[in-house]
C-alpha cells in the first residue's frame, strides 16, 4: 500500500534576493479574465446590494453624491496600489509593501488591520446571506444562524481546494452580479423613460422632489453615512493581492484597473440614482435589498426571487474574496514571524489553508452574533469593518507616499503606471479618510461606540507586537543567514 501513496510535495525553494519570502510556493493560475472580475466583483457586494437600502431610507437621494465622492478617493487608493503592484507584484500586497517601506512594525500593523477588516466583513457577509435566505418562505422559520453557518462552510470548502477554484468561482459570482446590475439598470432606465408605475409610484424626478428633495433629512446625514459607503467600496484592493498569483502581473494589472474603476462608479452611482428615481426613499429599508424592493413593487412574477438569489450570490462572493485575501496576507506575515506559524502552511493545492481557517473561525463568531442579536448583527460588524477599511486604505496611501519619497531621493524608480498628482493626492486622501473617522464619532450609537473602540484595537495591536517581536527578529536573522547576509524583503520559512 505504501507504494501507492502520493509523495509529499517538495519544499518551496528559497526566494530570490530582493523578493518577499511570502510569495514562494504559489501557483500562477489566475488569468486576466479572473483578475478583471475579481477587481469588479470584489467591490460589488453586501455594501451595495444590502446596505444601500438602509442608507437610502436614512439619507435619501443624496446617497448618490456620497457614492460619487467616495468613489473618487477609492479610485486614488486603487491607482496607488496599482503603482505599488507594478513596482513589485506580491501576494502579500500592501503588507509586503509596508514591510519594504516601514519595516516589520508597519507590516504587522497593516496585516492585522486587514485581517480584522475581512474577519468582520465575513461576519457581515454571512449575516447578509442569512438575511437573504429568509426571503423565501421555506427558510422563514429557520433560525438565522443556520443559513449563516451553511454559507460559511460552503465558501470555506471552495477556498481550500486551489486558487483556480477560487478564481473560477469568483469569476462566475462576479458575472452574476454584474449581469444582474446591467439588467436592473436597463429595466430601470426603461421604466423611467416610459413612466411605467412601480407599486403605484410613477418613476421620475417627482419621486425625489415630492419627498423632501435631494436632502430630505438634511446635509449632515449624507456625511454621516460616509463610513458605510467606504465599506461598500472595500474589496477593490483584492486585485493587488491576486497579482501575486498571476503571470505578467505588471502588464495585466494596469489594464484591469484602467477599465474597472469607471465600471464600478457607473454601477454604484448609476444604481443609486435609478433607485431614487423609481421609488421614494421611504420605500426602502435596511432589512431588504433595494433591488428586491423594486422588483417586488413592480409585481413581475419571480423577478424578486431571482434578484434575491443574485444578492445572495453577492454575499457569498464577498465572503469568498475575504477568505482568499486574508489567507495570503497572513502567510506573508507568518513567514516574517508576526502571525501564528500554522498560517504559513500550504496544502497540495498550494493554498495557505492555515490563514483561511483562522479567518473562517472568526466567521463562526458571526454565526454566534446572528444567534444572539440577529436584528443588529449587520450594523455592528459593518461599523467595525469600516474602521479597518479606513486603516487599510490609509496604509496603502502611506506606502505610496514613501515610494514617491524614495524615488525623489534616487533610492527607487517609480513605474510608468503611477498615481497622478503625487504627493498631493496621497495627502488629500489621508485627510479624507481621517475626516470619515471623525464623522463616525459624531454618529451617535454604533458608530460612536466603534470609534471609541479604536484605542482598544490599537492597544491590542501594540501588546501583540511585544509578544511577536522576538520571533520576528529570529526570522529576520534566519533570512539573512539563508542569503549570506543579502537583504531580502521577507524572511524565509524554516
Protein backbone atom coordinates (compact mmCIF):
# COMPACT_ATOMS: atom_id res chain seq x y z
CA UNK A 1 0.00 0.00 0.00
CA UNK A 2 2.88 2.35 0.78
CA UNK A 3 3.96 2.26 -2.86
CA UNK A 4 0.59 3.70 -3.90
CA UNK A 5 0.80 6.71 -1.63
CA UNK A 6 1.22 10.09 -3.27
CA UNK A 7 4.61 11.52 -2.38
CA UNK A 8 4.54 14.76 -0.37
CA UNK A 9 5.02 17.99 -2.31
CA UNK A 10 8.62 19.26 -2.43
CA UNK A 11 9.50 22.09 -0.04
CA UNK A 12 9.25 25.57 -1.57
CA UNK A 13 12.53 26.97 -2.86
CA UNK A 14 14.18 29.93 -1.21
CA UNK A 15 13.05 33.22 -2.72
CA UNK A 16 15.45 35.13 -4.92
CA UNK A 17 17.31 38.01 -3.35
CA UNK A 18 15.06 41.07 -3.19
CA UNK A 19 11.83 39.08 -3.25
CA UNK A 20 9.30 38.52 -0.48
CA UNK A 21 9.53 35.04 1.05
CA UNK A 22 5.77 35.06 1.48
CA UNK A 23 5.37 34.80 -2.29
CA UNK A 24 7.17 31.47 -2.59
CA UNK A 25 5.11 28.36 -3.33
CA UNK A 26 2.08 29.88 -5.05
CA UNK A 27 0.88 28.74 -8.46
CA UNK A 28 0.40 31.40 -11.15
CA UNK A 29 -3.03 30.16 -12.25
CA UNK A 30 -5.13 33.33 -12.28
CA UNK A 31 -5.83 34.60 -15.78
CA UNK A 32 -6.66 38.14 -16.99
CA UNK A 33 -10.40 37.36 -17.05
CA UNK A 34 -10.14 36.23 -13.43
CA UNK A 35 -8.29 39.43 -12.48
CA UNK A 36 -10.87 41.64 -14.18
CA UNK A 37 -13.84 40.03 -12.47
CA UNK A 38 -12.05 39.79 -9.11
CA UNK A 39 -11.40 43.53 -9.27
CA UNK A 40 -15.01 44.31 -10.21
CA UNK A 41 -16.70 41.67 -8.09
CA UNK A 42 -14.58 42.37 -5.02
CA UNK A 43 -16.11 45.81 -4.72
CA UNK A 44 -19.69 44.83 -5.59
CA UNK A 45 -21.01 43.03 -2.55
CA UNK A 46 -23.17 43.39 0.52
CA UNK A 47 -22.40 47.11 0.84
CA UNK A 48 -24.26 47.81 -2.40
CA UNK A 49 -26.82 45.02 -2.51
CA UNK A 50 -27.97 45.16 1.12
CA UNK A 51 -26.52 48.27 2.78
CA UNK A 52 -27.85 50.67 0.15
CA UNK A 53 -31.46 50.10 1.24
CA UNK A 54 -30.95 51.35 4.78
CA UNK A 55 -28.72 54.23 3.66
CA UNK A 56 -31.29 55.38 1.08
CA UNK A 57 -34.01 55.34 3.72
CA UNK A 58 -31.81 57.45 6.04
CA UNK A 59 -30.23 59.97 3.68
CA UNK A 60 -32.42 59.96 0.58
CA UNK A 61 -31.17 60.59 -2.99
CA UNK A 62 -28.08 62.45 -1.72
CA UNK A 63 -26.61 58.99 -1.20
CA UNK A 64 -25.58 59.13 -4.87
CA UNK A 65 -23.36 62.13 -4.05
CA UNK A 66 -21.77 60.19 -1.21
CA UNK A 67 -21.04 57.27 -3.54
CA UNK A 68 -19.55 59.64 -6.13
CA UNK A 69 -17.28 61.37 -3.60
CA UNK A 70 -16.08 58.14 -2.01
CA UNK A 71 -15.65 56.66 -5.48
CA UNK A 72 -13.13 59.37 -6.35
CA UNK A 73 -10.98 58.52 -3.33
CA UNK A 74 -11.45 54.80 -3.91
CA UNK A 75 -10.02 55.37 -7.41
CA UNK A 76 -6.99 57.15 -5.94
CA UNK A 77 -6.40 54.31 -3.47
CA UNK A 78 -6.60 51.65 -6.19
CA UNK A 79 -4.38 53.68 -8.51
CA UNK A 80 -1.79 53.98 -5.71
CA UNK A 81 -1.99 50.24 -5.10
CA UNK A 82 -1.64 49.61 -8.83
CA UNK A 83 1.60 51.60 -8.86
CA UNK A 84 2.92 49.53 -5.95
CA UNK A 85 1.93 46.29 -7.71
CA UNK A 86 3.74 47.28 -10.90
CA UNK A 87 6.71 48.29 -8.75
CA UNK A 88 6.75 44.76 -7.27
CA UNK A 89 3.87 42.22 -7.53
CA UNK A 90 3.32 40.32 -4.27
CA UNK A 91 0.64 38.08 -2.77
CA UNK A 92 1.25 39.92 0.49
CA UNK A 93 0.20 43.12 -1.33
CA UNK A 94 0.31 46.19 0.89
CA UNK A 95 1.56 44.13 3.84
CA UNK A 96 4.64 43.31 1.79
CA UNK A 97 4.94 46.96 0.72
CA UNK A 98 4.59 48.11 4.33
CA UNK A 99 7.46 45.76 5.18
CA UNK A 100 9.55 47.25 2.37
CA UNK A 101 8.93 50.90 3.25
CA UNK A 102 8.17 50.87 7.00
CA UNK A 103 9.76 47.71 8.31
CA UNK A 104 8.21 44.83 10.19
CA UNK A 105 6.21 47.04 12.56
CA UNK A 106 4.42 48.58 9.60
CA UNK A 107 3.78 45.17 8.04
CA UNK A 108 2.47 43.86 11.36
CA UNK A 109 0.04 46.78 11.77
CA UNK A 110 -1.12 46.63 8.14
CA UNK A 111 -1.61 42.86 8.16
CA UNK A 112 -3.61 42.55 11.35
CA UNK A 113 -5.73 45.58 10.50
CA UNK A 114 -6.57 43.99 7.16
CA UNK A 115 -7.28 40.66 8.82
CA UNK A 116 -9.71 42.35 11.22
CA UNK A 117 -11.28 44.13 8.25
CA UNK A 118 -12.09 40.90 6.42
CA UNK A 119 -12.87 38.92 9.57
CA UNK A 120 -15.61 41.42 10.44
CA UNK A 121 -16.66 41.77 6.79
CA UNK A 122 -17.05 38.00 6.71
CA UNK A 123 -19.44 38.30 9.64
CA UNK A 124 -21.40 40.91 7.68
CA UNK A 125 -21.44 38.66 4.62
CA UNK A 126 -22.80 35.60 6.39
CA UNK A 127 -25.32 37.85 8.15
CA UNK A 128 -26.42 39.17 4.76
CA UNK A 129 -26.57 35.65 3.32
CA UNK A 130 -28.76 34.53 6.21
CA UNK A 131 -30.98 37.61 5.77
CA UNK A 132 -31.39 36.97 2.04
CA UNK A 133 -32.24 33.30 2.64
CA UNK A 134 -35.19 34.29 4.83
CA UNK A 135 -36.78 35.95 1.79
CA UNK A 136 -38.03 32.52 0.76
CA UNK A 137 -40.81 31.05 2.89
CA UNK A 138 -39.02 27.72 3.26
CA UNK A 139 -36.35 29.50 5.36
CA UNK A 140 -38.64 31.93 7.18
CA UNK A 141 -38.96 29.73 10.26
CA UNK A 142 -35.32 28.59 10.22
CA UNK A 143 -33.12 30.33 12.83
CA UNK A 144 -30.92 32.92 11.14
CA UNK A 145 -27.68 31.36 12.38
CA UNK A 146 -28.24 28.11 10.44
CA UNK A 147 -28.06 29.56 6.88
CA UNK A 148 -25.15 31.69 8.11
CA UNK A 149 -23.26 28.54 9.10
CA UNK A 150 -24.08 26.80 5.81
CA UNK A 151 -22.81 29.80 3.82
CA UNK A 152 -19.53 29.81 5.74
CA UNK A 153 -18.97 26.06 5.25
CA UNK A 154 -19.70 26.26 1.52
CA UNK A 155 -17.30 29.09 0.76
CA UNK A 156 -14.61 27.66 3.04
CA UNK A 157 -14.64 24.42 1.05
CA UNK A 158 -14.22 26.32 -2.24
CA UNK A 159 -11.22 28.27 -0.93
CA UNK A 160 -9.37 25.24 0.41
CA UNK A 161 -9.16 23.37 -2.93
CA UNK A 162 -6.95 25.58 -5.11
CA UNK A 163 -6.57 29.13 -6.34
CA UNK A 164 -8.01 28.05 -9.71
CA UNK A 165 -11.26 27.01 -7.99
CA UNK A 166 -11.34 30.35 -6.20
CA UNK A 167 -10.69 32.21 -9.45
CA UNK A 168 -13.37 30.35 -11.39
CA UNK A 169 -15.92 30.65 -8.59
CA UNK A 170 -15.26 34.35 -8.16
CA UNK A 171 -15.38 34.86 -11.92
CA UNK A 172 -18.89 33.39 -12.17
CA UNK A 173 -20.06 35.05 -8.95
CA UNK A 174 -18.96 38.37 -10.46
CA UNK A 175 -20.59 37.60 -13.81
CA UNK A 176 -23.88 37.01 -12.00
CA UNK A 177 -23.58 40.24 -10.01
CA UNK A 178 -22.55 42.41 -12.93
CA UNK A 179 -25.13 40.82 -15.21
CA UNK A 180 -27.88 41.43 -12.67
CA UNK A 181 -26.88 45.08 -12.26
CA UNK A 182 -26.83 45.58 -16.02
CA UNK A 183 -30.30 44.04 -16.31
CA UNK A 184 -31.60 46.12 -13.41
CA UNK A 185 -30.23 49.34 -14.87
CA UNK A 186 -31.67 48.56 -18.31
CA UNK A 187 -35.10 47.82 -16.79
CA UNK A 188 -34.90 50.91 -14.58
CA UNK A 189 -34.00 53.19 -17.49
CA UNK A 190 -36.95 51.77 -19.46
CA UNK A 191 -39.32 52.32 -16.51
CA UNK A 192 -38.15 55.90 -16.02
CA UNK A 193 -38.29 56.68 -19.75
CA UNK A 194 -41.80 55.23 -20.19
CA UNK A 195 -43.01 56.40 -16.73
CA UNK A 196 -44.34 52.92 -16.07
CA UNK A 197 -45.75 52.81 -12.50
CA UNK A 198 -43.78 50.90 -9.87
CA UNK A 199 -46.01 49.94 -6.97
CA UNK A 200 -48.33 52.85 -7.70
CA UNK A 201 -45.47 55.35 -7.93
CA UNK A 202 -44.74 56.99 -11.29
CA UNK A 203 -40.94 56.99 -11.78
CA UNK A 204 -39.16 60.24 -12.41
CA UNK A 205 -37.92 63.35 -10.65
CA UNK A 206 -41.19 63.56 -8.71
CA UNK A 207 -40.02 60.56 -6.64
CA UNK A 208 -37.30 62.92 -5.39
CA UNK A 209 -38.85 66.40 -5.43
CA UNK A 210 -42.17 65.34 -3.86
CA UNK A 211 -40.49 63.55 -0.96
CA UNK A 212 -38.09 66.07 0.53
CA UNK A 213 -35.78 66.67 -2.41
CA UNK A 214 -32.13 65.72 -2.63
CA UNK A 215 -31.53 66.11 1.12
CA UNK A 216 -34.81 65.08 2.78
CA UNK A 217 -33.15 64.69 6.19
CA UNK A 218 -30.61 67.50 5.74
CA UNK A 219 -26.97 67.60 4.70
CA UNK A 220 -25.47 66.02 7.82
CA UNK A 221 -26.95 62.50 7.35
CA UNK A 222 -25.27 62.34 3.94
CA UNK A 223 -21.92 63.00 5.62
CA UNK A 224 -22.57 60.58 8.46
CA UNK A 225 -23.29 57.75 6.04
CA UNK A 226 -19.80 58.06 4.50
CA UNK A 227 -18.38 55.24 6.62
CA UNK A 228 -20.94 52.81 5.20
CA UNK A 229 -20.21 54.00 1.67
CA UNK A 230 -16.47 53.48 2.17
CA UNK A 231 -17.26 49.96 3.35
CA UNK A 232 -19.27 49.39 0.16
CA UNK A 233 -16.14 50.09 -1.91
CA UNK A 234 -14.00 47.73 0.19
CA UNK A 235 -12.61 44.86 -1.84
CA UNK A 236 -11.06 46.95 -4.60
CA UNK A 237 -7.64 46.09 -3.18
CA UNK A 238 -8.13 42.39 -3.98
CA UNK A 239 -6.55 42.82 -7.41
CA UNK A 240 -3.31 43.76 -5.65
CA UNK A 241 -3.29 40.52 -3.66
CA UNK A 242 -4.29 38.38 -6.64
CA UNK A 243 -1.40 39.86 -8.64
CA UNK A 244 0.98 37.57 -6.77
CA UNK A 245 -0.71 34.54 -8.36
CA UNK A 246 -0.91 35.95 -11.88
CA UNK A 247 1.52 35.66 -14.75
CA UNK A 248 2.71 39.01 -16.15
CA UNK A 249 1.07 40.98 -13.33
CA UNK A 250 2.96 44.15 -14.27
CA UNK A 251 1.25 44.10 -17.65
CA UNK A 252 -2.18 42.82 -16.63
CA UNK A 253 -2.90 44.90 -13.52
CA UNK A 254 -2.73 48.35 -15.22
CA UNK A 255 -5.02 47.13 -18.00
CA UNK A 256 -7.52 45.81 -15.46
CA UNK A 257 -7.53 48.94 -13.32
CA UNK A 258 -7.92 51.30 -16.28
CA UNK A 259 -11.33 49.82 -17.10
CA UNK A 260 -12.57 48.66 -13.71
CA UNK A 261 -12.95 51.99 -11.92
CA UNK A 262 -15.36 53.63 -14.35
CA UNK A 263 -17.47 50.46 -14.42
CA UNK A 264 -17.71 50.37 -10.65
CA UNK A 265 -18.55 54.08 -10.49
CA UNK A 266 -21.28 53.50 -13.07
CA UNK A 267 -22.75 50.60 -11.12
CA UNK A 268 -22.69 52.36 -7.75
CA UNK A 269 -23.69 55.92 -8.63
CA UNK A 270 -25.93 54.87 -11.52
CA UNK A 271 -27.78 52.27 -9.46
CA UNK A 272 -28.46 54.68 -6.60
CA UNK A 273 -29.70 57.40 -8.96
CA UNK A 274 -32.07 54.94 -10.64
CA UNK A 275 -33.31 53.58 -7.31
CA UNK A 276 -34.09 57.15 -6.21
CA UNK A 277 -35.98 57.84 -9.43
CA UNK A 278 -38.04 54.64 -9.26
CA UNK A 279 -39.38 54.91 -5.70
CA UNK A 280 -39.36 57.44 -2.85
CA UNK A 281 -36.51 56.90 -0.40
CA UNK A 282 -39.09 55.99 2.25
CA UNK A 283 -39.95 52.83 0.28
CA UNK A 284 -36.58 51.28 1.06
CA UNK A 285 -35.47 49.63 4.29
CA UNK A 286 -32.36 48.19 5.91
CA UNK A 287 -33.71 44.64 6.13
CA UNK A 288 -34.28 44.13 2.39
CA UNK A 289 -32.13 44.69 -0.68
CA UNK A 290 -33.42 47.79 -2.55
CA UNK A 291 -33.25 45.85 -5.82
CA UNK A 292 -35.58 43.23 -4.38
CA UNK A 293 -37.86 46.03 -3.18
CA UNK A 294 -38.16 47.44 -6.70
CA UNK A 295 -38.97 44.13 -8.34
CA UNK A 296 -41.41 43.23 -5.56
CA UNK A 297 -43.26 46.54 -6.09
CA UNK A 298 -43.12 46.01 -9.85
CA UNK A 299 -45.05 42.77 -9.50
CA UNK A 300 -43.07 40.76 -12.08
CA UNK A 301 -43.65 37.08 -11.18
CA UNK A 302 -40.47 35.52 -9.82
CA UNK A 303 -38.33 38.60 -10.51
CA UNK A 304 -37.90 39.46 -6.84
CA UNK A 305 -36.87 35.87 -6.08
CA UNK A 306 -34.30 35.90 -8.88
CA UNK A 307 -32.86 39.21 -7.71
CA UNK A 308 -32.72 37.92 -4.15
CA UNK A 309 -30.73 34.93 -5.41
CA UNK A 310 -28.34 37.39 -7.07
CA UNK A 311 -27.77 39.38 -3.91
CA UNK A 312 -27.25 36.11 -2.02
CA UNK A 313 -24.55 35.33 -4.60
CA UNK A 314 -23.02 38.75 -3.89
CA UNK A 315 -22.73 37.96 -0.19
CA UNK A 316 -21.11 34.59 -0.91
CA UNK A 317 -18.73 36.26 -3.38
CA UNK A 318 -17.61 38.80 -0.81
CA UNK A 319 -17.05 36.06 1.78
CA UNK A 320 -15.14 34.06 -0.83
CA UNK A 321 -12.85 37.03 -1.52
CA UNK A 322 -12.26 37.70 2.16
CA UNK A 323 -11.07 34.17 2.89
CA UNK A 324 -8.80 34.30 -0.14
CA UNK A 325 -7.25 37.66 0.77
CA UNK A 326 -6.62 37.02 4.45
CA UNK A 327 -5.07 33.62 3.74
CA UNK A 328 -2.40 35.27 1.56
CA UNK A 329 -1.83 38.24 3.87
CA UNK A 330 -1.49 36.06 6.96
CA UNK A 331 1.03 33.84 5.19
CA UNK A 332 3.13 36.86 4.28
CA UNK A 333 3.11 37.81 7.96
CA UNK A 334 3.70 34.29 9.23
CA UNK A 335 6.92 33.82 7.28
CA UNK A 336 8.10 37.06 8.89
CA UNK A 337 7.18 35.84 12.38
CA UNK A 338 4.33 38.28 13.06
CA UNK A 339 1.46 35.79 12.63
CA UNK A 340 0.98 32.25 14.00
CA UNK A 341 3.25 29.74 12.28
CA UNK A 342 0.41 27.50 11.16
CA UNK A 343 -0.95 30.30 8.94
CA UNK A 344 2.13 29.87 6.71
CA UNK A 345 1.24 26.26 5.87
CA UNK A 346 0.07 25.36 2.38
CA UNK A 347 -1.79 22.29 1.17
CA UNK A 348 -1.23 20.27 -2.00
CA UNK A 349 -3.29 22.78 -3.96
CA UNK A 350 -0.77 25.49 -2.93
CA UNK A 351 -3.42 27.16 -0.81
CA UNK A 352 -2.40 28.78 2.52
CA UNK A 353 -5.05 26.88 4.41
CA UNK A 354 -3.87 27.91 7.88
CA UNK A 355 -4.74 31.57 7.38
CA UNK A 356 -8.02 30.73 5.68
CA UNK A 357 -9.08 28.53 8.57
CA UNK A 358 -8.17 31.25 11.08
CA UNK A 359 -10.40 33.76 9.25
CA UNK A 360 -13.20 31.19 9.00
CA UNK A 361 -13.02 30.63 12.75
CA UNK A 362 -13.82 34.31 13.22
CA UNK A 363 -16.72 33.76 10.85
CA UNK A 364 -18.10 31.42 13.49
CA UNK A 365 -18.32 34.45 15.78
CA UNK A 366 -20.59 35.94 13.14
CA UNK A 367 -22.75 32.84 13.34
CA UNK A 368 -22.95 33.37 17.11
CA UNK A 369 -23.78 37.05 16.58
CA UNK A 370 -26.66 36.05 14.33
CA UNK A 371 -27.87 33.78 17.12
CA UNK A 372 -27.58 36.38 19.88
CA UNK A 373 -28.73 39.55 18.10
CA UNK A 374 -29.98 38.86 14.56
CA UNK A 375 -31.55 42.29 14.12
CA UNK A 376 -28.39 44.33 14.87
CA UNK A 377 -25.72 41.90 13.65
CA UNK A 378 -25.13 43.54 10.26
CA UNK A 379 -24.90 47.10 11.60
CA UNK A 380 -22.44 46.17 14.36
CA UNK A 381 -19.94 44.37 12.17
CA UNK A 382 -20.18 46.82 9.25
CA UNK A 383 -19.02 49.65 11.53
CA UNK A 384 -16.01 47.73 12.80
CA UNK A 385 -15.15 46.67 9.24
CA UNK A 386 -15.42 50.30 8.06
CA UNK A 387 -12.81 51.45 10.58
CA UNK A 388 -10.45 48.72 9.38
CA UNK A 389 -11.07 49.66 5.73
CA UNK A 390 -10.05 53.23 6.59
CA UNK A 391 -6.86 51.89 8.20
CA UNK A 392 -6.07 49.65 5.22
CA UNK A 393 -6.62 52.41 2.66
CA UNK A 394 -4.53 54.76 4.79
CA UNK A 395 -1.68 52.25 4.87
CA UNK A 396 -1.77 51.88 1.07
CA UNK A 397 -1.53 55.65 0.63
CA UNK A 398 1.33 55.91 3.13
CA UNK A 399 3.27 53.21 1.25
CA UNK A 400 2.60 55.06 -2.00
CA UNK A 401 3.83 58.29 -0.43
CA UNK A 402 7.01 56.59 0.81
CA UNK A 403 7.66 55.14 -2.66
CA UNK A 404 7.36 58.66 -4.09
CA UNK A 405 9.72 59.96 -1.40
CA UNK A 406 12.32 57.26 -2.15
CA UNK A 407 12.09 58.00 -5.84
CA UNK A 408 12.73 61.69 -5.14
CA UNK A 409 15.88 60.70 -3.25
CA UNK A 410 17.03 58.44 -6.06
CA UNK A 411 16.60 55.27 -3.98
CA UNK A 412 13.77 53.81 -6.09
CA UNK A 413 12.21 54.19 -9.52
CA UNK A 414 8.51 54.82 -9.92
CA UNK A 415 6.93 52.75 -12.71
CA UNK A 416 5.27 54.34 -15.72
CA UNK A 417 1.87 53.38 -14.30
CA UNK A 418 1.60 55.67 -11.29
CA UNK A 419 -0.72 57.68 -9.07
CA UNK A 420 -1.17 61.13 -10.66
CA UNK A 421 -0.67 64.27 -8.60
CA UNK A 422 1.68 62.75 -6.03
CA UNK A 423 2.31 63.66 -3.24
CA UNK A 424 -0.78 65.87 -3.01
CA UNK A 425 -3.25 63.13 -3.91
CA UNK A 426 -1.90 60.92 -1.10
CA UNK A 427 -2.17 63.78 1.40
CA UNK A 428 -5.73 64.73 0.39
CA UNK A 429 -6.84 61.09 0.52
CA UNK A 430 -5.37 60.62 4.01
CA UNK A 431 -7.20 63.75 5.17
CA UNK A 432 -10.43 62.41 3.69
CA UNK A 433 -10.04 59.08 5.49
CA UNK A 434 -9.37 60.91 8.77
CA UNK A 435 -12.46 63.04 8.15
CA UNK A 436 -14.63 59.93 7.71
CA UNK A 437 -13.35 58.61 11.03
CA UNK A 438 -14.28 61.90 12.70
CA UNK A 439 -17.75 61.75 11.13
CA UNK A 440 -18.19 58.23 12.50
CA UNK A 441 -17.54 59.53 16.00
CA UNK A 442 -20.31 62.12 15.51
CA UNK A 443 -22.83 59.42 14.62
CA UNK A 444 -24.37 58.65 17.97
CA UNK A 445 -24.91 54.98 18.58
CA UNK A 446 -22.98 52.14 16.97
CA UNK A 447 -20.66 54.47 15.05
CA UNK A 448 -19.53 56.37 18.15
CA UNK A 449 -19.01 53.14 20.07
CA UNK A 450 -16.91 51.78 17.21
CA UNK A 451 -14.62 54.83 17.15
CA UNK A 452 -14.25 54.64 20.93
CA UNK A 453 -13.11 51.05 20.43
CA UNK A 454 -10.23 52.18 18.17
CA UNK A 455 -7.85 52.86 21.11
CA UNK A 456 -8.64 49.36 22.37
CA UNK A 457 -7.78 47.86 18.98
CA UNK A 458 -4.55 49.89 18.89
CA UNK A 459 -3.70 48.74 22.41
CA UNK A 460 -4.21 45.10 21.44
CA UNK A 461 -2.00 45.55 18.37
CA UNK A 462 0.76 47.16 20.46
CA UNK A 463 0.55 44.39 23.03
CA UNK A 464 0.64 41.78 20.30
CA UNK A 465 3.78 43.31 18.80
CA UNK A 466 5.66 42.86 22.07
CA UNK A 467 4.62 39.20 22.02
CA UNK A 468 5.89 38.52 18.50
CA UNK A 469 8.85 40.89 18.11
CA UNK A 470 11.40 38.32 19.29
CA UNK A 471 10.11 35.79 16.74
CA UNK A 472 10.21 38.48 14.04
CA UNK A 473 13.85 39.21 14.89
CA UNK A 474 14.73 35.50 14.79
CA UNK A 475 13.05 35.10 11.40
CA UNK A 476 14.97 38.09 10.06
CA UNK A 477 18.27 36.63 11.27
CA UNK A 478 17.42 33.31 9.66
CA UNK A 479 16.64 35.06 6.38
CA UNK A 480 19.97 36.90 6.37
CA UNK A 481 21.80 33.66 7.10
CA UNK A 482 19.97 31.87 4.27
CA UNK A 483 21.03 34.53 1.76
CA UNK A 484 24.55 35.06 3.03
CA UNK A 485 23.67 38.40 4.57
CA UNK A 486 22.00 39.78 1.44
CA UNK A 487 18.88 41.90 2.10
CA UNK A 488 15.51 40.43 1.36
CA UNK A 489 12.00 41.80 1.72
CA UNK A 490 10.82 38.95 3.88
CA UNK A 491 12.40 36.23 6.00
CA UNK A 492 12.33 32.67 4.81
CA UNK A 493 10.30 29.82 6.22
CA UNK A 494 12.34 27.44 8.31
